[in-house]
C-alpha atoms as a PDB file:
ATOM      1  CA  MET A   1      -6.319 123.238-123.964  1.00  0.00           C
ATOM      2  CA  SER A   2      -5.461 120.832-126.643  1.00  0.00           C
ATOM      3  CA  GLU A   3      -8.982 119.208-126.937  1.00  0.00           C
ATOM      4  CA  HIS A   4     -12.502 119.499-126.693  1.00  0.00           C
ATOM      5  CA  PRO A   5     -15.381 117.192-127.106  1.00  0.00           C
ATOM      6  CA  ALA A   6     -16.527 119.319-130.331  1.00  0.00           C
ATOM      7  CA  ILE A   7     -13.049 120.762-131.711  1.00  0.00           C
ATOM      8  CA  ARG A   8      -9.173 119.550-131.809  1.00  0.00           C
ATOM      9  CA  VAL A   9      -6.278 121.924-132.124  1.00  0.00           C
ATOM     10  CA  GLY A  10      -4.815 121.387-135.256  1.00  0.00           C
ATOM     11  CA  GLU A  11      -7.941 120.060-137.354  1.00  0.00           C
ATOM     12  CA  ASP A  12      -9.490 121.834-140.174  1.00  0.00           C
ATOM     13  CA  TYR A  13     -13.116 122.706-139.838  1.00  0.00           C
ATOM     14  CA  PRO A  14     -15.778 123.972-142.517  1.00  0.00           C
ATOM     15  CA  VAL A  15     -17.153 127.026-141.392  1.00  0.00           C
ATOM     16  CA  LEU A  16     -20.987 127.061-141.677  1.00  0.00           C
ATOM     17  CA  GLU A  17     -21.718 130.588-140.724  1.00  0.00           C
ATOM     18  CA  VAL A  18     -19.795 133.848-139.442  1.00  0.00           C
ATOM     19  CA  PHE A  19     -21.508 136.071-136.914  1.00  0.00           C
ATOM     20  CA  ALA A  20     -19.784 139.216-137.186  1.00  0.00           C
ATOM     21  CA  GLU A  21     -20.040 142.387-134.702  1.00  0.00           C
ATOM     22  CA  ARG A  22     -17.836 145.331-134.063  1.00  0.00           C
ATOM     23  CA  THR A  23     -16.371 143.516-130.813  1.00  0.00           C
ATOM     24  CA  ARG A  24     -16.122 139.785-131.449  1.00  0.00           C
ATOM     25  CA  ALA A  25     -16.291 137.331-134.617  1.00  0.00           C
ATOM     26  CA  LEU A  26     -17.802 134.129-134.264  1.00  0.00           C
ATOM     27  CA  PHE A  27     -17.463 130.635-136.214  1.00  0.00           C
ATOM     28  CA  ARG A  28     -20.363 128.024-136.578  1.00  0.00           C
ATOM     29  CA  LEU A  29     -19.221 124.487-136.649  1.00  0.00           C
ATOM     30  CA  PRO A  30     -20.476 121.447-137.578  1.00  0.00           C
ATOM     31  CA  ASP A  31     -20.013 118.630-134.599  1.00  0.00           C
ATOM     32  CA  ARG A  32     -16.937 116.205-135.059  1.00  0.00           C
ATOM     33  CA  VAL A  33     -17.544 112.974-137.262  1.00  0.00           C
ATOM     34  CA  GLU A  34     -17.693 110.976-134.437  1.00  0.00           C
ATOM     35  CA  SER A  35     -20.282 112.820-132.657  1.00  0.00           C
ATOM     36  CA  ARG A  36     -22.971 110.048-131.102  1.00  0.00           C
ATOM     37  CA  GLU A  37     -25.707 112.992-130.726  1.00  0.00           C
ATOM     38  CA  PRO A  38     -29.072 112.127-132.631  1.00  0.00           C
ATOM     39  CA  ILE A  39     -28.469 115.537-135.117  1.00  0.00           C
ATOM     40  CA  ASP A  40     -25.445 117.741-135.072  1.00  0.00           C
ATOM     41  CA  THR A  41     -25.060 120.659-132.558  1.00  0.00           C
ATOM     42  CA  PRO A  42     -23.148 123.011-134.571  1.00  0.00           C
ATOM     43  CA  GLY A  43     -21.313 125.350-132.033  1.00  0.00           C
ATOM     44  CA  MET A  44     -20.461 128.996-132.240  1.00  0.00           C
ATOM     45  CA  TRP A  45     -16.434 129.192-131.482  1.00  0.00           C
ATOM     46  CA  ASP A  46     -14.740 132.524-131.476  1.00  0.00           C
ATOM     47  CA  ALA A  47     -12.762 133.183-134.505  1.00  0.00           C
ATOM     48  CA  ALA A  48      -9.800 134.228-132.680  1.00  0.00           C
ATOM     49  CA  MET A  49      -9.107 130.639-131.964  1.00  0.00           C
ATOM     50  CA  PHE A  50      -8.912 129.559-135.621  1.00  0.00           C
ATOM     51  CA  GLU A  51      -6.785 130.349-138.578  1.00  0.00           C
ATOM     52  CA  ILE A  52      -8.003 130.829-142.105  1.00  0.00           C
ATOM     53  CA  VAL A  53      -6.559 128.202-144.331  1.00  0.00           C
ATOM     54  CA  SER A  54      -8.579 129.221-147.476  1.00  0.00           C
ATOM     55  CA  GLU A  55      -9.820 132.463-148.628  1.00  0.00           C
ATOM     56  CA  ARG A  56     -12.534 131.298-150.814  1.00  0.00           C
ATOM     57  CA  MET A  57     -16.103 131.871-149.647  1.00  0.00           C
ATOM     58  CA  PRO A  58     -18.714 129.687-150.383  1.00  0.00           C
ATOM     59  CA  THR A  59     -20.744 130.126-153.393  1.00  0.00           C
ATOM     60  CA  CYS A  60     -24.026 129.796-151.764  1.00  0.00           C
ATOM     61  CA  TRP A  61     -23.253 132.202-149.016  1.00  0.00           C
ATOM     62  CA  VAL A  62     -24.869 135.911-148.698  1.00  0.00           C
ATOM     63  CA  ALA A  63     -24.462 138.353-146.228  1.00  0.00           C
ATOM     64  CA  GLY A  64     -27.101 138.907-143.891  1.00  0.00           C
ATOM     65  CA  LEU A  65     -27.167 142.451-141.666  1.00  0.00           C
ATOM     66  CA  ASP A  66     -29.203 142.794-138.594  1.00  0.00           C
ATOM     67  CA  GLU A  67     -28.756 145.411-136.073  1.00  0.00           C
ATOM     68  CA  GLY A  68     -25.008 146.141-136.626  1.00  0.00           C
ATOM     69  CA  ARG A  69     -24.414 142.287-137.236  1.00  0.00           C
ATOM     70  CA  LEU A  70     -22.720 140.866-140.335  1.00  0.00           C
ATOM     71  CA  THR A  71     -23.690 137.027-140.954  1.00  0.00           C
ATOM     72  CA  PRO A  72     -22.149 135.669-144.046  1.00  0.00           C
ATOM     73  CA  ALA A  73     -23.901 132.141-144.580  1.00  0.00           C
ATOM     74  CA  ALA A  74     -26.139 130.434-146.594  1.00  0.00           C
ATOM     75  CA  GLN A  75     -29.426 132.288-147.827  1.00  0.00           C
ATOM     76  CA  GLU A  76     -31.644 129.574-146.080  1.00  0.00           C
ATOM     77  CA  TRP A  77     -29.754 130.143-142.710  1.00  0.00           C
ATOM     78  CA  GLN A  78     -30.690 133.982-142.792  1.00  0.00           C
ATOM     79  CA  ARG A  79     -34.138 133.279-141.524  1.00  0.00           C
ATOM     80  CA  PRO A  80     -34.467 134.732-137.918  1.00  0.00           C
ATOM     81  CA  VAL A  81     -36.002 131.616-136.729  1.00  0.00           C
ATOM     82  CA  VAL A  82     -33.674 129.030-138.973  1.00  0.00           C
ATOM     83  CA  TRP A  83     -31.404 127.990-135.533  1.00  0.00           C
ATOM     84  CA  LYS A  84     -34.532 127.761-133.257  1.00  0.00           C
ATOM     85  CA  GLU A  85     -36.128 125.408-135.474  1.00  0.00           C
ATOM     86  CA  TYR A  86     -33.320 123.573-135.832  1.00  0.00           C
ATOM     87  CA  PHE A  87     -32.454 122.825-132.327  1.00  0.00           C
ATOM     88  CA  ASP A  88     -36.341 121.891-131.913  1.00  0.00           C
ATOM     89  CA  HIS A  89     -35.576 119.382-134.192  1.00  0.00           C
ATOM     90  CA  LEU A  90     -38.270 120.413-136.808  1.00  0.00           C
ATOM     91  CA  SER A  91     -37.458 117.745-139.581  1.00  0.00           C
ATOM     92  CA  ALA A  92     -37.552 120.316-142.712  1.00  0.00           C
ATOM     93  CA  ALA A  93     -35.071 122.268-140.768  1.00  0.00           C
ATOM     94  CA  VAL A  94     -32.771 119.294-139.651  1.00  0.00           C
ATOM     95  CA  ALA A  95     -33.140 118.081-143.449  1.00  0.00           C
ATOM     96  CA  GLU A  96     -32.090 121.603-144.663  1.00  0.00           C
ATOM     97  CA  TYR A  97     -29.065 121.701-142.667  1.00  0.00           C
ATOM     98  CA  ASP A  98     -27.868 118.585-143.671  1.00  0.00           C
ATOM     99  CA  ARG A  99     -28.305 119.235-146.845  1.00  0.00           C
ATOM    100  CA  LEU A 100     -26.121 122.363-146.726  1.00  0.00           C
ATOM    101  CA  LYS A 101     -23.780 121.255-144.548  1.00  0.00           C
ATOM    102  CA  ALA A 102     -23.018 118.094-147.005  1.00  0.00           C
ATOM    103  CA  GLN A 103     -22.613 121.039-149.813  1.00  0.00           C
ATOM    104  CA  LYS A 104     -20.200 123.018-147.754  1.00  0.00           C
ATOM    105  CA  ILE A 105     -17.995 119.773-146.857  1.00  0.00           C
ATOM    106  CA  ILE A 106     -18.184 118.391-150.350  1.00  0.00           C
ATOM    107  CA  ALA A 107     -17.151 122.040-151.552  1.00  0.00           C
ATOM    108  CA  GLU A 108     -14.049 121.993-149.034  1.00  0.00           C
ATOM    109  CA  GLY A 109     -12.924 118.813-150.108  1.00  0.00           C
ATOM    110  CA  ASP A 110     -12.884 119.899-153.571  1.00  0.00           C
ATOM    111  CA  ARG A 111     -11.004 122.769-152.782  1.00  0.00           C
ATOM    112  CA  LEU A 112      -8.398 120.620-150.994  1.00  0.00           C
ATOM    113  CA  ALA A 113      -8.108 118.356-153.880  1.00  0.00           C
ATOM    114  CA  GLU A 114      -7.314 121.178-156.102  1.00  0.00           C
END
């Protein structure tokens, strides 16, 4: 498949979170810029679909470990209910997501400019 409404082959995407367990790894990616949804719907994508283009980890990431799952992500996203609150459109969770996504995208832009 060369295109999906959420991603395109050959484009770079900032990884917002990694979900890794013994048998699989997933990347949480933000919506594409042209999304028309009222809020992002950051999806989980199989890590095997992507090529890593940067070996740098975001400075805001910490590693969460729960029942054999390793989740490197922002500290604020380590809370068990964070994504439920976000997808329930709680204003504080949406604002937190927008702030951390912007921080990650700006950091990626700085990396690409180096």
